[in-house]
Amino acid sequence: MNINPDWITLAGIAAILGFLWSLHRDMRSLSDRVSRLAGTVELLAKVLLDREVRSPIARG
């Protein structure tokens, strides 16, 4: 069975483009998750610092 090398090249390029597109989507999803996590950590730090400032022990 003879396969034209042009078809093999085309299939390889299509596979690489598919992989890069999938990687791009995964990185965008990861970026969204990291942004949400950063917001949560910022909120937690704000709450903990506010609690520390209002603590009766700190007023001592």
N, C-alpha and C. Protein backbone atom coordinates (compact mmCIF):
# COMPACT_ATOMS: atom_id res chain seq x y z
N MET A 1 0.85 -1.17 0.00
CA MET A 1 0.00 0.00 0.00
C MET A 1 0.89 1.24 0.00
N ASN A 2 0.71 2.06 -0.97
CA ASN A 2 1.49 3.28 -1.11
C ASN A 2 0.67 4.48 -0.63
N ILE A 3 1.22 5.21 0.35
CA ILE A 3 0.55 6.41 0.84
C ILE A 3 1.39 7.60 0.41
N ASN A 4 0.73 8.57 -0.14
CA ASN A 4 1.40 9.77 -0.59
C ASN A 4 1.98 10.53 0.61
N PRO A 5 3.27 10.89 0.60
CA PRO A 5 3.87 11.62 1.72
C PRO A 5 3.19 12.95 2.02
N ASP A 6 2.56 13.54 1.02
CA ASP A 6 1.84 14.80 1.26
C ASP A 6 0.68 14.60 2.23
N TRP A 7 -0.01 13.45 2.13
CA TRP A 7 -1.12 13.17 3.05
C TRP A 7 -0.61 12.95 4.47
N ILE A 8 0.54 12.32 4.59
CA ILE A 8 1.12 12.10 5.92
C ILE A 8 1.49 13.45 6.55
N THR A 9 2.07 14.32 5.74
CA THR A 9 2.43 15.65 6.23
C THR A 9 1.19 16.42 6.64
N LEU A 10 0.16 16.36 5.84
CA LEU A 10 -1.09 17.06 6.14
C LEU A 10 -1.71 16.53 7.44
N ALA A 11 -1.71 15.22 7.60
CA ALA A 11 -2.25 14.63 8.82
C ALA A 11 -1.43 15.05 10.04
N GLY A 12 -0.12 15.10 9.89
CA GLY A 12 0.75 15.54 10.99
C GLY A 12 0.49 16.98 11.38
N ILE A 13 0.34 17.83 10.39
CA ILE A 13 0.06 19.24 10.66
C ILE A 13 -1.30 19.39 11.34
N ALA A 14 -2.29 18.65 10.88
CA ALA A 14 -3.62 18.70 11.50
C ALA A 14 -3.57 18.23 12.95
N ALA A 15 -2.79 17.20 13.22
CA ALA A 15 -2.67 16.68 14.59
C ALA A 15 -1.99 17.71 15.49
N ILE A 16 -0.95 18.35 14.99
CA ILE A 16 -0.24 19.37 15.77
C ILE A 16 -1.16 20.55 16.06
N LEU A 17 -1.91 21.00 15.05
CA LEU A 17 -2.84 22.12 15.27
C LEU A 17 -3.93 21.75 16.27
N GLY A 18 -4.43 20.53 16.19
CA GLY A 18 -5.43 20.07 17.16
C GLY A 18 -4.87 20.06 18.57
N PHE A 19 -3.65 19.58 18.72
CA PHE A 19 -3.01 19.56 20.04
C PHE A 19 -2.83 20.97 20.58
N LEU A 20 -2.34 21.89 19.74
CA LEU A 20 -2.13 23.26 20.19
C LEU A 20 -3.44 23.95 20.57
N TRP A 21 -4.50 23.67 19.82
CA TRP A 21 -5.81 24.25 20.15
C TRP A 21 -6.30 23.74 21.50
N SER A 22 -6.13 22.46 21.74
CA SER A 22 -6.53 21.87 23.01
C SER A 22 -5.70 22.45 24.15
N LEU A 23 -4.42 22.62 23.93
CA LEU A 23 -3.53 23.20 24.94
C LEU A 23 -3.95 24.63 25.24
N HIS A 24 -4.30 25.37 24.22
CA HIS A 24 -4.75 26.75 24.38
C HIS A 24 -6.00 26.82 25.26
N ARG A 25 -6.97 25.94 25.00
CA ARG A 25 -8.20 25.90 25.80
C ARG A 25 -7.89 25.55 27.25
N ASP A 26 -7.00 24.57 27.45
CA ASP A 26 -6.65 24.16 28.81
C ASP A 26 -5.95 25.28 29.58
N MET A 27 -5.08 26.01 28.90
CA MET A 27 -4.38 27.11 29.56
C MET A 27 -5.35 28.24 29.91
N ARG A 28 -6.32 28.50 29.06
CA ARG A 28 -7.33 29.53 29.35
C ARG A 28 -8.16 29.11 30.57
N SER A 29 -8.52 27.85 30.63
CA SER A 29 -9.28 27.34 31.77
C SER A 29 -8.45 27.44 33.05
N LEU A 30 -7.18 27.10 32.95
CA LEU A 30 -6.29 27.19 34.11
C LEU A 30 -6.16 28.64 34.57
N SER A 31 -6.08 29.57 33.63
CA SER A 31 -5.98 30.99 33.97
C SER A 31 -7.22 31.44 34.73
N ASP A 32 -8.39 31.00 34.29
CA ASP A 32 -9.63 31.37 34.98
C ASP A 32 -9.64 30.81 36.40
N ARG A 33 -9.20 29.59 36.56
CA ARG A 33 -9.17 28.97 37.89
C ARG A 33 -8.21 29.69 38.81
N VAL A 34 -7.04 30.06 38.30
CA VAL A 34 -6.05 30.76 39.12
C VAL A 34 -6.59 32.13 39.51
N SER A 35 -7.29 32.80 38.62
CA SER A 35 -7.88 34.11 38.94
C SER A 35 -8.91 33.98 40.07
N ARG A 36 -9.75 32.96 39.98
CA ARG A 36 -10.74 32.74 41.05
C ARG A 36 -10.06 32.42 42.36
N LEU A 37 -9.01 31.60 42.32
CA LEU A 37 -8.28 31.25 43.53
C LEU A 37 -7.61 32.48 44.14
N ALA A 38 -7.04 33.34 43.30
CA ALA A 38 -6.41 34.56 43.80
C ALA A 38 -7.45 35.46 44.48
N GLY A 39 -8.61 35.57 43.91
CA GLY A 39 -9.67 36.36 44.53
C GLY A 39 -10.11 35.79 45.87
N THR A 40 -10.20 34.48 45.95
CA THR A 40 -10.58 33.83 47.20
C THR A 40 -9.53 34.04 48.27
N VAL A 41 -8.27 33.90 47.90
CA VAL A 41 -7.19 34.10 48.87
C VAL A 41 -7.17 35.56 49.34
N GLU A 42 -7.38 36.48 48.43
CA GLU A 42 -7.41 37.90 48.80
C GLU A 42 -8.56 38.17 49.77
N LEU A 43 -9.72 37.61 49.52
CA LEU A 43 -10.86 37.78 50.41
C LEU A 43 -10.58 37.16 51.78
N LEU A 44 -9.99 35.98 51.79
CA LEU A 44 -9.66 35.31 53.05
C LEU A 44 -8.66 36.14 53.85
N ALA A 45 -7.66 36.67 53.20
CA ALA A 45 -6.67 37.50 53.89
C ALA A 45 -7.33 38.74 54.46
N LYS A 46 -8.24 39.34 53.70
CA LYS A 46 -8.94 40.54 54.17
C LYS A 46 -9.78 40.22 55.41
N VAL A 47 -10.48 39.10 55.38
CA VAL A 47 -11.32 38.70 56.52
C VAL A 47 -10.45 38.41 57.74
N LEU A 48 -9.36 37.70 57.55
CA LEU A 48 -8.49 37.37 58.68
C LEU A 48 -7.83 38.61 59.27
N LEU A 49 -7.39 39.52 58.42
CA LEU A 49 -6.78 40.75 58.93
C LEU A 49 -7.81 41.61 59.63
N ASP A 50 -9.04 41.67 59.12
CA ASP A 50 -10.10 42.43 59.76
C ASP A 50 -10.43 41.84 61.12
N ARG A 51 -10.44 40.52 61.19
CA ARG A 51 -10.74 39.86 62.47
C ARG A 51 -9.62 40.13 63.47
N GLU A 52 -8.37 40.16 62.98
CA GLU A 52 -7.23 40.41 63.86
C GLU A 52 -7.28 41.83 64.41
N VAL A 53 -7.70 42.78 63.59
CA VAL A 53 -7.78 44.17 64.02
C VAL A 53 -8.89 44.35 65.04
N ARG A 54 -9.99 43.64 64.89
CA ARG A 54 -11.14 43.78 65.80
C ARG A 54 -11.05 42.85 67.01
N SER A 55 -10.02 42.05 67.11
CA SER A 55 -9.88 41.09 68.20
C SER A 55 -9.70 41.81 69.54
N PRO A 56 -10.38 41.38 70.62
CA PRO A 56 -10.21 42.01 71.93
C PRO A 56 -8.79 41.82 72.48
N ILE A 57 -8.13 40.74 72.09
CA ILE A 57 -6.77 40.50 72.57
C ILE A 57 -5.83 41.57 72.01
N ALA A 58 -6.06 41.98 70.79
CA ALA A 58 -5.20 42.98 70.16
C ALA A 58 -5.37 44.35 70.83
N ARG A 59 -6.54 44.59 71.42
CA ARG A 59 -6.79 45.90 72.07
C ARG A 59 -6.10 45.97 73.44
N GLY A 60 -5.92 44.79 74.09
CA GLY A 60 -5.32 44.56 75.37
C GLY A 60 -4.74 45.68 76.02
